[in-house]
Amino acid sequence: MAEKRRKVEFKIDEKTSSGEYANLANIIFSDSEFIIDFARMIPGMPAAEVKSRIILSPKNAKLLSLILKQRVSDYEKAHGNIRLPKGEEGTNIGFRSEKEKN
């Protein structure tokens, strides 16, 4: 039996709609949840300030990763490949995977 898709209406207040800029994220997990802290790191400051924390079930974390991968692919089809910096010395700002940290 196929599930019926329902349309979800998103409501957003003015403060939330302006968004928060993040240039750093930390992802931790347990057996029951993924926690993503989005932060802003400012050069010369000793610590990154967490701007938002999102808590997801493992299933929703995986679905989010698949959807994000598809949306990045859609973006690149429309605007060209997104170039990632390689080996920039002296910078701790930006999203990085564990593979890039080593």
C-alpha atoms as a PDB file:
ATOM      1  CA  MET A   1       0.000   0.000   0.000  1.00  0.00           C
ATOM      2  CA  ALA A   2       1.563   3.267  -1.157  1.00  0.00           C
ATOM      3  CA  GLU A   3       1.685   6.182   1.235  1.00  0.00           C
ATOM      4  CA  LYS A   4      -0.121   9.299   0.165  1.00  0.00           C
ATOM      5  CA  ARG A   5       2.119  12.379   0.057  1.00  0.00           C
ATOM      6  CA  ARG A   6       0.675  15.346   1.802  1.00  0.00           C
ATOM      7  CA  LYS A   7       1.630  18.930   1.159  1.00  0.00           C
ATOM      8  CA  VAL A   8       3.187  20.636   4.163  1.00  0.00           C
ATOM      9  CA  GLU A   9       2.779  24.364   4.556  1.00  0.00           C
ATOM     10  CA  PHE A  10       5.737  26.098   6.190  1.00  0.00           C
ATOM     11  CA  LYS A  11       5.061  29.076   8.429  1.00  0.00           C
ATOM     12  CA  ILE A  12       7.967  31.272   9.451  1.00  0.00           C
ATOM     13  CA  ASP A  13       8.092  34.346  11.645  1.00  0.00           C
ATOM     14  CA  GLU A  14      10.024  37.478  10.693  1.00  0.00           C
ATOM     15  CA  LYS A  15      12.985  36.874  13.038  1.00  0.00           C
ATOM     16  CA  THR A  16      13.479  33.311  11.830  1.00  0.00           C
ATOM     17  CA  SER A  17      13.063  34.271   8.173  1.00  0.00           C
ATOM     18  CA  SER A  18      16.134  36.523   8.337  1.00  0.00           C
ATOM     19  CA  GLY A  19      18.235  33.424   9.085  1.00  0.00           C
ATOM     20  CA  GLU A  20      21.593  33.009  10.807  1.00  0.00           C
ATOM     21  CA  TYR A  21      24.937  32.815   9.031  1.00  0.00           C
ATOM     22  CA  ALA A  22      27.051  29.790   9.970  1.00  0.00           C
ATOM     23  CA  ASN A  23      30.522  28.935   8.724  1.00  0.00           C
ATOM     24  CA  LEU A  24      31.151  25.986  11.022  1.00  0.00           C
ATOM     25  CA  ALA A  25      29.205  22.933  12.127  1.00  0.00           C
ATOM     26  CA  ASN A  26      29.775  20.192  14.666  1.00  0.00           C
ATOM     27  CA  ILE A  27      27.883  16.923  14.350  1.00  0.00           C
ATOM     28  CA  ILE A  28      27.643  14.408  17.187  1.00  0.00           C
ATOM     29  CA  PHE A  29      25.419  11.381  17.571  1.00  0.00           C
ATOM     30  CA  SER A  30      24.155   8.718  19.927  1.00  0.00           C
ATOM     31  CA  ASP A  31      22.249   5.556  19.123  1.00  0.00           C
ATOM     32  CA  SER A  32      18.991   7.540  19.042  1.00  0.00           C
ATOM     33  CA  GLU A  33      19.799  10.988  17.637  1.00  0.00           C
ATOM     34  CA  PHE A  34      22.066  13.245  15.624  1.00  0.00           C
ATOM     35  CA  ILE A  35      22.830  16.699  16.993  1.00  0.00           C
ATOM     36  CA  ILE A  36      24.053  19.380  14.605  1.00  0.00           C
ATOM     37  CA  ASP A  37      25.389  22.615  16.074  1.00  0.00           C
ATOM     38  CA  PHE A  38      25.694  25.428  13.521  1.00  0.00           C
ATOM     39  CA  ALA A  39      28.176  28.082  14.609  1.00  0.00           C
ATOM     40  CA  ARG A  40      29.861  31.262  13.481  1.00  0.00           C
ATOM     41  CA  MET A  41      33.624  31.572  13.852  1.00  0.00           C
ATOM     42  CA  ILE A  42      35.026  35.081  13.663  1.00  0.00           C
ATOM     43  CA  PRO A  43      38.764  35.476  12.978  1.00  0.00           C
ATOM     44  CA  GLY A  44      40.647  36.509  16.088  1.00  0.00           C
ATOM     45  CA  MET A  45      37.953  35.281  18.477  1.00  0.00           C
ATOM     46  CA  PRO A  46      38.831  32.376  20.791  1.00  0.00           C
ATOM     47  CA  ALA A  47      35.648  30.337  20.256  1.00  0.00           C
ATOM     48  CA  ALA A  48      32.877  29.764  17.747  1.00  0.00           C
ATOM     49  CA  GLU A  49      29.413  30.931  18.825  1.00  0.00           C
ATOM     50  CA  VAL A  50      26.698  28.306  18.326  1.00  0.00           C
ATOM     51  CA  LYS A  51      23.769  29.954  16.548  1.00  0.00           C
ATOM     52  CA  SER A  52      21.451  26.976  16.204  1.00  0.00           C
ATOM     53  CA  ARG A  53      21.191  23.365  17.365  1.00  0.00           C
ATOM     54  CA  ILE A  54      19.176  20.868  15.348  1.00  0.00           C
ATOM     55  CA  ILE A  55      18.340  17.427  16.748  1.00  0.00           C
ATOM     56  CA  LEU A  56      17.309  14.671  14.314  1.00  0.00           C
ATOM     57  CA  SER A  57      16.485  10.984  14.463  1.00  0.00           C
ATOM     58  CA  PRO A  58      19.033   8.798  12.627  1.00  0.00           C
ATOM     59  CA  LYS A  59      16.466   8.125   9.890  1.00  0.00           C
ATOM     60  CA  ASN A  60      15.802  11.833   9.356  1.00  0.00           C
ATOM     61  CA  ALA A  61      19.538  12.611   9.448  1.00  0.00           C
ATOM     62  CA  LYS A  62      20.111  10.138   6.618  1.00  0.00           C
ATOM     63  CA  LEU A  63      17.138  11.497   4.655  1.00  0.00           C
ATOM     64  CA  LEU A  64      18.470  15.044   5.135  1.00  0.00           C
ATOM     65  CA  SER A  65      21.893  13.995   3.830  1.00  0.00           C
ATOM     66  CA  LEU A  66      20.323  12.446   0.722  1.00  0.00           C
ATOM     67  CA  ILE A  67      18.121  15.471   0.055  1.00  0.00           C
ATOM     68  CA  LEU A  68      21.031  17.880   0.585  1.00  0.00           C
ATOM     69  CA  LYS A  69      23.193  15.856  -1.825  1.00  0.00           C
ATOM     70  CA  GLN A  70      20.428  16.081  -4.449  1.00  0.00           C
ATOM     71  CA  ARG A  71      19.939  19.835  -3.938  1.00  0.00           C
ATOM     72  CA  VAL A  72      23.709  20.469  -4.254  1.00  0.00           C
ATOM     73  CA  SER A  73      23.649  18.469  -7.491  1.00  0.00           C
ATOM     74  CA  ASP A  74      20.688  20.555  -8.718  1.00  0.00           C
ATOM     75  CA  TYR A  75      22.574  23.753  -7.822  1.00  0.00           C
ATOM     76  CA  GLU A  76      25.688  22.624  -9.704  1.00  0.00           C
ATOM     77  CA  LYS A  77      23.625  21.761 -12.783  1.00  0.00           C
ATOM     78  CA  ALA A  78      22.204  25.293 -12.743  1.00  0.00           C
ATOM     79  CA  HIS A  79      25.312  27.255 -11.686  1.00  0.00           C
ATOM     80  CA  GLY A  80      28.388  25.070 -12.284  1.00  0.00           C
ATOM     81  CA  ASN A  81      30.583  23.045  -9.965  1.00  0.00           C
ATOM     82  CA  ILE A  82      31.174  24.299  -6.459  1.00  0.00           C
ATOM     83  CA  ARG A  83      34.913  24.487  -5.940  1.00  0.00           C
ATOM     84  CA  LEU A  84      36.254  23.516  -2.534  1.00  0.00           C
ATOM     85  CA  PRO A  85      39.523  24.954  -1.191  1.00  0.00           C
ATOM     86  CA  LYS A  86      42.391  22.497  -0.770  1.00  0.00           C
ATOM     87  CA  GLY A  87      44.975  22.689   1.970  1.00  0.00           C
ATOM     88  CA  GLU A  88      44.563  26.325   2.979  1.00  0.00           C
ATOM     89  CA  GLU A  89      47.034  26.748   5.826  1.00  0.00           C
ATOM     90  CA  GLY A  90      46.113  28.757   8.898  1.00  0.00           C
ATOM     91  CA  THR A  91      42.337  28.749   8.523  1.00  0.00           C
ATOM     92  CA  ASN A  92      39.891  27.014  10.830  1.00  0.00           C
ATOM     93  CA  ILE A  93      36.804  28.615   9.341  1.00  0.00           C
ATOM     94  CA  GLY A  94      34.435  26.647   7.167  1.00  0.00           C
ATOM     95  CA  PHE A  95      32.725  23.298   7.019  1.00  0.00           C
ATOM     96  CA  ARG A  96      35.070  20.316   6.726  1.00  0.00           C
ATOM     97  CA  SER A  97      34.654  16.589   6.720  1.00  0.00           C
ATOM     98  CA  GLU A  98      36.740  14.329   8.942  1.00  0.00           C
ATOM     99  CA  LYS A  99      38.689  13.274   5.833  1.00  0.00           C
ATOM    100  CA  GLU A 100      39.749  16.875   5.212  1.00  0.00           C
ATOM    101  CA  LYS A 101      40.893  17.394   8.833  1.00  0.00           C
ATOM    102  CA  ASN A 102      43.676  14.811   8.511  1.00  0.00           C
END
